[in-house]
């Protein structure tokens, strides 16, 4: 999700499409939160690790 968020951010910036920029930020934040929860040892979506 983090990579997808970064790709959407870059595409939104280069193509000047604001909705891609917004979706990219949202996906990136969700990916970072899931990464933090997974690395803290909490089960995310029924899995021990998020990757």
Protein backbone atom coordinates (compact mmCIF):
# COMPACT_ATOMS: atom_id res chain seq x y z
CA UNK A 1 0.00 0.00 0.00
CA UNK A 2 2.89 2.31 0.70
CA UNK A 3 4.32 1.82 -2.78
CA UNK A 4 0.89 2.28 -4.36
CA UNK A 5 0.43 5.50 -2.40
CA UNK A 6 3.78 6.82 -3.58
CA UNK A 7 2.98 5.94 -7.19
CA UNK A 8 -0.36 7.73 -6.97
CA UNK A 9 1.31 10.78 -5.41
CA UNK A 10 3.87 10.98 -8.20
CA UNK A 11 1.27 10.47 -10.93
CA UNK A 12 -1.04 13.03 -9.39
CA UNK A 13 1.79 15.54 -9.17
CA UNK A 14 3.09 14.97 -12.70
CA UNK A 15 -0.31 14.82 -14.39
CA UNK A 16 -1.78 17.63 -12.26
CA UNK A 17 -4.75 15.47 -11.22
CA UNK A 18 -5.72 16.43 -7.69
CA UNK A 19 -7.88 13.36 -7.00
CA UNK A 20 -4.87 11.08 -7.57
CA UNK A 21 -2.85 13.25 -5.19
CA UNK A 22 -5.56 12.98 -2.52
CA UNK A 23 -6.04 9.23 -2.92
CA UNK A 24 -2.27 8.77 -2.85
CA UNK A 25 -1.99 10.57 0.47
CA UNK A 26 -4.83 8.52 1.97
CA UNK A 27 -3.41 5.19 0.76
CA UNK A 28 0.08 6.15 1.96
CA UNK A 29 -1.18 7.05 5.45
CA UNK A 30 -3.19 3.82 5.70
CA UNK A 31 -0.16 1.82 4.60
CA UNK A 32 2.06 3.49 7.20
CA UNK A 33 -0.48 2.91 9.97
CA UNK A 34 -0.77 -0.77 9.04
CA UNK A 35 3.01 -1.04 8.94
CA UNK A 36 3.32 0.48 12.41
CA UNK A 37 0.62 -1.77 13.84
CA UNK A 38 2.18 -4.84 12.27
CA UNK A 39 5.67 -4.01 13.51
CA UNK A 40 4.34 -3.39 17.02
CA UNK A 41 3.22 -7.02 17.20
CA UNK A 42 -0.50 -6.43 16.81
CA UNK A 43 -2.44 -8.67 14.47
CA UNK A 44 -3.62 -6.73 11.42
CA UNK A 45 -6.51 -8.28 9.54
CA UNK A 46 -6.00 -11.61 11.26
CA UNK A 47 -2.31 -11.76 10.37
CA UNK A 48 0.64 -11.35 12.69
CA UNK A 49 2.67 -9.36 10.14
CA UNK A 50 1.73 -6.83 7.51
CA UNK A 51 3.99 -7.55 4.54
